[in-house]
C-alpha atoms as a PDB file:
ATOM      1  CA  MET A   1     182.573 156.361  89.591  1.00  0.00           C
ATOM      2  CA  TYR A   2     181.491 153.390  91.662  1.00  0.00           C
ATOM      3  CA  ALA A   3     181.194 153.475  95.485  1.00  0.00           C
ATOM      4  CA  THR A   4     181.167 150.765  98.063  1.00  0.00           C
ATOM      5  CA  GLN A   5     177.712 149.290  98.812  1.00  0.00           C
ATOM      6  CA  CYS A   6     177.405 151.082 102.167  1.00  0.00           C
ATOM      7  CA  GLU A   7     178.505 154.408 100.644  1.00  0.00           C
ATOM      8  CA  LEU A   8     176.124 153.995  97.777  1.00  0.00           C
ATOM      9  CA  VAL A   9     173.225 153.345 100.143  1.00  0.00           C
ATOM     10  CA  LYS A  10     174.031 156.447 102.196  1.00  0.00           C
ATOM     11  CA  ARG A  11     174.284 158.614  99.124  1.00  0.00           C
ATOM     12  CA  ILE A  12     171.080 157.431  97.595  1.00  0.00           C
ATOM     13  CA  SER A  13     169.225 157.702 100.933  1.00  0.00           C
ATOM     14  CA  SER A  14     170.314 161.322 101.229  1.00  0.00           C
ATOM     15  CA  CYS A  15     169.403 162.124  97.667  1.00  0.00           C
ATOM     16  CA  TYR A  16     166.005 160.459  98.261  1.00  0.00           C
ATOM     17  CA  ALA A  17     165.442 162.617 101.392  1.00  0.00           C
ATOM     18  CA  MET A  18     166.565 165.773  99.655  1.00  0.00           C
ATOM     19  CA  TYR A  19     164.803 165.378  96.305  1.00  0.00           C
ATOM     20  CA  TYR A  20     161.613 163.303  97.071  1.00  0.00           C
ATOM     21  CA  ASN A  21     159.197 166.211  97.261  1.00  0.00           C
ATOM     22  CA  CYS A  22     160.782 167.923  94.354  1.00  0.00           C
ATOM     23  CA  MET A  23     160.422 164.757  92.200  1.00  0.00           C
ATOM     24  CA  ILE A  24     156.826 164.270  93.274  1.00  0.00           C
ATOM     25  CA  ASN A  25     155.951 167.878  92.317  1.00  0.00           C
ATOM     26  CA  HIS A  26     157.774 167.473  89.042  1.00  0.00           C
ATOM     27  CA  LEU A  27     155.993 164.201  88.209  1.00  0.00           C
ATOM     28  CA  ARG A  28     152.591 165.629  89.090  1.00  0.00           C
ATOM     29  CA  ARG A  29     152.851 167.966  86.115  1.00  0.00           C
ATOM     30  CA  ILE A  30     153.255 164.930  83.887  1.00  0.00           C
ATOM     31  CA  ILE A  31     151.130 162.275  85.672  1.00  0.00           C
ATOM     32  CA  PHE A  32     148.212 163.569  87.691  1.00  0.00           C
ATOM     33  CA  ASP A  33     147.915 160.555  89.974  1.00  0.00           C
ATOM     34  CA  GLU A  34     149.839 160.941  93.182  1.00  0.00           C
ATOM     35  CA  GLU A  35     150.172 157.156  93.798  1.00  0.00           C
ATOM     36  CA  THR A  36     151.687 156.653  90.339  1.00  0.00           C
ATOM     37  CA  CYS A  37     154.084 159.490  91.000  1.00  0.00           C
ATOM     38  CA  LYS A  38     155.228 157.801  94.217  1.00  0.00           C
ATOM     39  CA  GLU A  39     155.736 154.464  92.441  1.00  0.00           C
ATOM     40  CA  ILE A  40     157.796 156.155  89.747  1.00  0.00           C
ATOM     41  CA  VAL A  41     160.000 157.900  92.341  1.00  0.00           C
ATOM     42  CA  GLN A  42     160.594 154.501  93.943  1.00  0.00           C
ATOM     43  CA  GLU A  43     161.376 152.919  90.595  1.00  0.00           C
ATOM     44  CA  CYS A  44     163.759 155.763  89.776  1.00  0.00           C
ATOM     45  CA  PHE A  45     165.824 155.199  92.924  1.00  0.00           C
ATOM     46  CA  LEU A  46     165.715 151.443  92.455  1.00  0.00           C
ATOM     47  CA  ARG A  47     167.168 151.755  88.997  1.00  0.00           C
ATOM     48  CA  ILE A  48     169.866 154.172  90.207  1.00  0.00           C
ATOM     49  CA  PHE A  49     170.736 151.682  92.994  1.00  0.00           C
ATOM     50  CA  SER A  50     170.632 148.644  90.747  1.00  0.00           C
ATOM     51  CA  LYS A  51     173.101 150.286  88.315  1.00  0.00           C
ATOM     52  CA  SER A  52     175.338 151.336  91.269  1.00  0.00           C
ATOM     53  CA  ILE A  53     175.369 154.918  90.161  1.00  0.00           C
ATOM     54  CA  ALA A  54     177.250 156.981  92.734  1.00  0.00           C
ATOM     55  CA  LEU A  55     175.362 160.282  93.388  1.00  0.00           C
ATOM     56  CA  ASP A  56     176.766 163.292  95.026  1.00  0.00           C
ATOM     57  CA  PRO A  57     173.864 164.796  97.029  1.00  0.00           C
ATOM     58  CA  ASN A  58     175.470 168.290  97.031  1.00  0.00           C
ATOM     59  CA  SER A  59     176.002 168.456  93.284  1.00  0.00           C
ATOM     60  CA  PRO A  60     173.498 170.460  91.092  1.00  0.00           C
ATOM     61  CA  LYS A  61     173.900 167.894  88.400  1.00  0.00           C
ATOM     62  CA  THR A  62     172.470 165.225  90.711  1.00  0.00           C
ATOM     63  CA  LYS A  63     169.149 166.951  90.794  1.00  0.00           C
ATOM     64  CA  ASN A  64     169.006 167.306  87.068  1.00  0.00           C
ATOM     65  CA  PHE A  65     170.019 163.631  86.618  1.00  0.00           C
ATOM     66  CA  ILE A  66     167.367 162.349  89.016  1.00  0.00           C
ATOM     67  CA  LEU A  67     164.620 164.563  87.560  1.00  0.00           C
ATOM     68  CA  SER A  68     165.493 163.445  83.998  1.00  0.00           C
ATOM     69  CA  VAL A  69     165.452 159.794  85.009  1.00  0.00           C
ATOM     70  CA  ALA A  70     162.111 160.305  86.694  1.00  0.00           C
ATOM     71  CA  LYS A  71     160.717 162.174  83.704  1.00  0.00           C
ATOM     72  CA  ASN A  72     161.735 159.410  81.345  1.00  0.00           C
ATOM     73  CA  LEU A  73     160.130 156.853  83.544  1.00  0.00           C
ATOM     74  CA  ALA A  74     156.936 158.832  83.610  1.00  0.00           C
ATOM     75  CA  VAL A  75     156.907 159.187  79.848  1.00  0.00           C
ATOM     76  CA  ASP A  76     157.483 155.434  79.541  1.00  0.00           C
ATOM     77  CA  TYR A  77     154.621 154.880  81.905  1.00  0.00           C
ATOM     78  CA  LEU A  78     152.242 157.087  79.944  1.00  0.00           C
ATOM     79  CA  ARG A  79     153.241 155.528  76.728  1.00  0.00           C
ATOM     80  CA  ARG A  80     152.657 151.947  78.057  1.00  0.00           C
ATOM     81  CA  ASN A  81     149.372 153.048  79.609  1.00  0.00           C
ATOM     82  CA  ARG A  82     148.167 154.770  76.402  1.00  0.00           C
ATOM     83  CA  MET A  83     149.072 151.679  74.288  1.00  0.00           C
ATOM     84  CA  GLU A  84     147.331 149.441  76.704  1.00  0.00           C
ATOM     85  CA  ASN A  85     144.230 151.682  76.688  1.00  0.00           C
ATOM     86  CA  ALA A  86     144.208 151.650  72.927  1.00  0.00           C
ATOM     87  CA  ARG A  87     144.456 147.931  72.799  1.00  0.00           C
ATOM     88  CA  LEU A  88     141.519 147.678  75.172  1.00  0.00           C
ATOM     89  CA  LYS A  89     139.385 150.123  73.282  1.00  0.00           C
ATOM     90  CA  GLU A  90     140.208 148.334  69.951  1.00  0.00           C
ATOM     91  CA  LYS A  91     139.327 145.025  71.599  1.00  0.00           C
ATOM     92  CA  CYS A  92     136.047 146.388  72.935  1.00  0.00           C
ATOM     93  CA  TYR A  93     135.331 147.995  69.616  1.00  0.00           C
ATOM     94  CA  LEU A  94     135.941 144.755  67.679  1.00  0.00           C
ATOM     95  CA  GLU A  95     133.950 142.591  70.234  1.00  0.00           C
ATOM     96  CA  PHE A  96     131.051 145.029  70.655  1.00  0.00           C
ATOM     97  CA  PRO A  97     130.802 147.315  67.660  1.00  0.00           C
ATOM     98  CA  LEU A  98     128.203 150.064  67.507  1.00  0.00           C
ATOM     99  CA  ASN A  99     125.833 147.797  65.668  1.00  0.00           C
ATOM    100  CA  THR A 100     122.389 147.366  67.142  1.00  0.00           C
ATOM    101  CA  ASN A 101     121.613 144.423  64.772  1.00  0.00           C
ATOM    102  CA  ARG A 102     124.407 142.353  66.361  1.00  0.00           C
ATOM    103  CA  ILE A 103     123.069 139.517  68.618  1.00  0.00           C
ATOM    104  CA  SER A 104     125.181 139.008  71.744  1.00  0.00           C
ATOM    105  CA  ASN A 105     125.830 135.552  73.195  1.00  0.00           C
ATOM    106  CA  GLN A 106     126.119 137.056  76.629  1.00  0.00           C
ATOM    107  CA  PRO A 107     122.960 137.208  78.771  1.00  0.00           C
ATOM    108  CA  VAL A 108     121.924 140.824  79.173  1.00  0.00           C
ATOM    109  CA  GLU A 109     118.920 142.268  80.901  1.00  0.00           C
ATOM    110  CA  ILE A 110     116.407 143.456  78.382  1.00  0.00           C
ATOM    111  CA  GLU A 111     116.242 146.979  79.840  1.00  0.00           C
ATOM    112  CA  ASN A 112     120.087 147.349  79.619  1.00  0.00           C
ATOM    113  CA  LYS A 113     120.070 145.929  76.119  1.00  0.00           C
ATOM    114  CA  ILE A 114     117.379 148.336  74.909  1.00  0.00           C
ATOM    115  CA  PHE A 115     119.117 151.256  76.611  1.00  0.00           C
ATOM    116  CA  SER A 116     122.474 150.218  75.208  1.00  0.00           C
ATOM    117  CA  ALA A 117     121.064 149.825  71.739  1.00  0.00           C
ATOM    118  CA  GLU A 118     119.366 153.205  71.972  1.00  0.00           C
ATOM    119  CA  ILE A 119     122.601 154.917  72.932  1.00  0.00           C
ATOM    120  CA  SER A 120     124.524 153.006  70.259  1.00  0.00           C
ATOM    121  CA  GLY A 121     121.999 154.127  67.664  1.00  0.00           C
ATOM    122  CA  ILE A 122     122.321 157.765  68.850  1.00  0.00           C
ATOM    123  CA  ILE A 123     126.102 157.576  68.650  1.00  0.00           C
ATOM    124  CA  LYS A 124     126.148 156.038  65.231  1.00  0.00           C
ATOM    125  CA  ASN A 125     123.611 158.550  63.890  1.00  0.00           C
ATOM    126  CA  SER A 126     125.483 161.426  65.361  1.00  0.00           C
ATOM    127  CA  VAL A 127     128.852 160.355  63.875  1.00  0.00           C
ATOM    128  CA  ARG A 128     127.313 159.515  60.531  1.00  0.00           C
ATOM    129  CA  GLN A 129     126.178 163.069  60.092  1.00  0.00           C
ATOM    130  CA  PHE A 130     129.789 164.159  59.573  1.00  0.00           C
ATOM    131  CA  ASN A 131     131.824 163.649  56.470  1.00  0.00           C
ATOM    132  CA  ALA A 132     134.117 160.694  56.133  1.00  0.00           C
ATOM    133  CA  LEU A 133     137.265 162.647  57.232  1.00  0.00           C
ATOM    134  CA  LYS A 134     135.656 163.836  60.479  1.00  0.00           C
ATOM    135  CA  GLN A 135     134.447 160.289  61.145  1.00  0.00           C
ATOM    136  CA  HIS A 136     137.912 158.974  60.476  1.00  0.00           C
ATOM    137  CA  VAL A 137     139.510 161.493  62.937  1.00  0.00           C
ATOM    138  CA  PHE A 138     136.963 160.584  65.617  1.00  0.00           C
ATOM    139  CA  LYS A 139     137.512 156.825  65.229  1.00  0.00           C
ATOM    140  CA  GLU A 140     141.265 157.112  65.283  1.00  0.00           C
ATOM    141  CA  VAL A 141     141.330 159.190  68.412  1.00  0.00           C
ATOM    142  CA  VAL A 142     138.498 157.496  70.368  1.00  0.00           C
ATOM    143  CA  ILE A 143     138.419 153.902  69.227  1.00  0.00           C
ATOM    144  CA  ARG A 144     142.167 153.317  68.405  1.00  0.00           C
ATOM    145  CA  GLY A 145     143.480 155.669  71.086  1.00  0.00           C
ATOM    146  CA  LYS A 146     145.869 157.542  68.782  1.00  0.00           C
ATOM    147  CA  GLY A 147     146.950 161.078  69.667  1.00  0.00           C
ATOM    148  CA  ILE A 148     146.052 164.190  67.713  1.00  0.00           C
ATOM    149  CA  ALA A 149     149.675 164.445  66.524  1.00  0.00           C
ATOM    150  CA  ASP A 150     149.673 160.894  65.116  1.00  0.00           C
ATOM    151  CA  VAL A 151     146.364 161.319  63.323  1.00  0.00           C
ATOM    152  CA  SER A 152     147.414 164.651  61.804  1.00  0.00           C
ATOM    153  CA  HIS A 153     150.688 163.140  60.659  1.00  0.00           C
ATOM    154  CA  LYS A 154     149.046 160.081  58.986  1.00  0.00           C
ATOM    155  CA  SER A 155     146.222 162.159  57.548  1.00  0.00           C
ATOM    156  CA  SER A 156     148.372 164.990  56.239  1.00  0.00           C
ATOM    157  CA  MET A 157     146.347 167.562  58.149  1.00  0.00           C
ATOM    158  CA  SER A 158     147.435 170.166  60.677  1.00  0.00           C
ATOM    159  CA  ARG A 159     146.968 169.384  64.384  1.00  0.00           C
ATOM    160  CA  TYR A 160     144.618 172.246  64.621  1.00  0.00           C
ATOM    161  CA  GLN A 161     142.427 170.866  61.963  1.00  0.00           C
ATOM    162  CA  VAL A 162     142.378 167.397  63.510  1.00  0.00           C
ATOM    163  CA  LYS A 163     141.565 168.802  66.948  1.00  0.00           C
ATOM    164  CA  LYS A 164     138.827 170.923  65.414  1.00  0.00           C
ATOM    165  CA  TYR A 165     137.180 168.000  63.703  1.00  0.00           C
ATOM    166  CA  TYR A 166     137.458 165.888  66.832  1.00  0.00           C
ATOM    167  CA  ASP A 167     135.928 168.637  69.000  1.00  0.00           C
ATOM    168  CA  GLU A 168     132.990 169.080  66.495  1.00  0.00           C
ATOM    169  CA  VAL A 169     132.087 165.415  66.667  1.00  0.00           C
ATOM    170  CA  VAL A 170     132.517 165.311  70.439  1.00  0.00           C
ATOM    171  CA  ASP A 171     130.382 168.427  70.918  1.00  0.00           C
ATOM    172  CA  ARG A 172     127.589 166.936  68.749  1.00  0.00           C
ATOM    173  CA  LEU A 173     127.733 163.697  70.815  1.00  0.00           C
ATOM    174  CA  LYS A 174     127.499 165.639  74.021  1.00  0.00           C
ATOM    175  CA  GLU A 175     124.425 167.443  72.691  1.00  0.00           C
ATOM    176  CA  ASP A 176     122.809 164.339  71.464  1.00  0.00           C
ATOM    177  CA  LEU A 177     123.517 162.372  74.637  1.00  0.00           C
ATOM    178  CA  ALA A 178     122.720 165.173  77.060  1.00  0.00           C
ATOM    179  CA  GLU A 179     119.377 163.646  78.086  1.00  0.00           C
ATOM    180  CA  TYR A 180     121.221 160.457  79.305  1.00  0.00           C
ATOM    181  CA  HIS A 181     123.731 162.247  81.528  1.00  0.00           C
END
């Protein structure tokens, strides 16, 4: 059901006024950053307007429709953000592996280089104390940015077991790096 441009603007404006706070509260449960939630609400209404979807502000289906569009946009945002973070971590890991023998071409202050090498050594030693499976879980989650579910599926382990292995390594790292915090 398509409406005239003026009618469409009025309906979307009234829906925006009615459901804005509800959408923000709904999105805060998914994305914890309020500015991002506001951007997603804007994007939601822009998409509805660009597709000329006529909304009835008084219909209960309208609220469900708008919230589902917003939720889908939030999930897309999180997915894009997670993939981008994983690429950045992978790039950083490939460019600056935890290898203290690597000589960097970038000028670094000696104090920072020694401190960085010391922390890298502690991390390597802490992770090496675990078996290969626990090391694999830790690297997949931290370095490659994969989720617990993805790692458990590919490793044929339960999510509980993957989470347990990951937590063990992280707890050990926290203990070993406590003096630097």
